Amino acid sequence: MTDNAAKQIINAEADQRARKTERLRQLREAQEATIIADVPVSAKKRSGKN
């Protein structure tokens, strides 16, 4: 395998990982947004988190 081919494979794998990570992050944010929406505002203020 040439260096060029190896670099292409490495880049493709890195791109795949980045997409997967981004998708997981978006899912987690969507879940957190849903959870926060379910919590009463008073409880949210007490915890000190945004």
Protein backbone atom coordinates (compact mmCIF):
# COMPACT_ATOMS: atom_id res chain seq x y z
CA MET A 1 0.00 0.00 0.00
CA THR A 2 1.28 3.45 -0.87
CA ASP A 3 1.60 6.25 1.69
CA ASN A 4 -1.10 8.11 -0.21
CA ALA A 5 -3.55 5.22 0.06
CA ALA A 6 -2.79 4.85 3.75
CA LYS A 7 -3.43 8.56 4.32
CA GLN A 8 -6.76 8.33 2.48
CA ILE A 9 -7.85 5.42 4.69
CA ILE A 10 -6.75 7.24 7.86
CA ASN A 11 -8.60 10.39 6.79
CA ALA A 12 -11.74 8.41 5.93
CA GLU A 13 -11.67 6.73 9.35
CA ALA A 14 -11.12 10.08 11.09
CA ASP A 15 -14.06 11.59 9.18
CA GLN A 16 -16.26 8.67 10.18
CA ARG A 17 -15.27 9.05 13.83
CA ALA A 18 -15.93 12.79 13.71
CA ARG A 19 -19.40 12.25 12.24
CA LYS A 20 -20.21 9.60 14.83
CA THR A 21 -19.00 11.83 17.67
CA GLU A 22 -21.05 14.75 16.33
CA ARG A 23 -24.15 12.58 16.03
CA LEU A 24 -23.73 11.32 19.60
CA ARG A 25 -23.23 14.89 20.87
CA GLN A 26 -26.41 16.05 19.12
CA LEU A 27 -28.36 13.13 20.57
CA ARG A 28 -27.06 13.89 24.06
CA GLU A 29 -27.94 17.58 23.73
CA ALA A 30 -31.43 16.69 22.52
CA GLN A 31 -31.90 14.38 25.52
CA GLU A 32 -30.61 17.03 27.93
CA ALA A 33 -32.92 19.64 26.42
CA THR A 34 -35.86 17.27 26.89
CA ILE A 35 -34.91 16.53 30.49
CA ILE A 36 -34.47 20.23 31.32
CA ALA A 37 -37.87 21.02 29.78
CA ASP A 38 -39.46 18.44 32.09
CA VAL A 39 -37.88 19.91 35.24
CA PRO A 40 -39.77 22.76 36.94
CA VAL A 41 -37.99 26.11 36.69
CA SER A 42 -37.68 26.46 40.47
CA ALA A 43 -35.75 23.18 40.74
CA LYS A 44 -33.52 24.23 37.86
CA LYS A 45 -32.65 27.54 39.55
CA ARG A 46 -31.83 25.85 42.87
CA SER A 47 -29.34 23.46 41.23
CA GLY A 48 -27.36 26.41 39.89
CA LYS A 49 -26.87 24.74 36.50
CA ASN A 50 -27.96 26.13 33.16
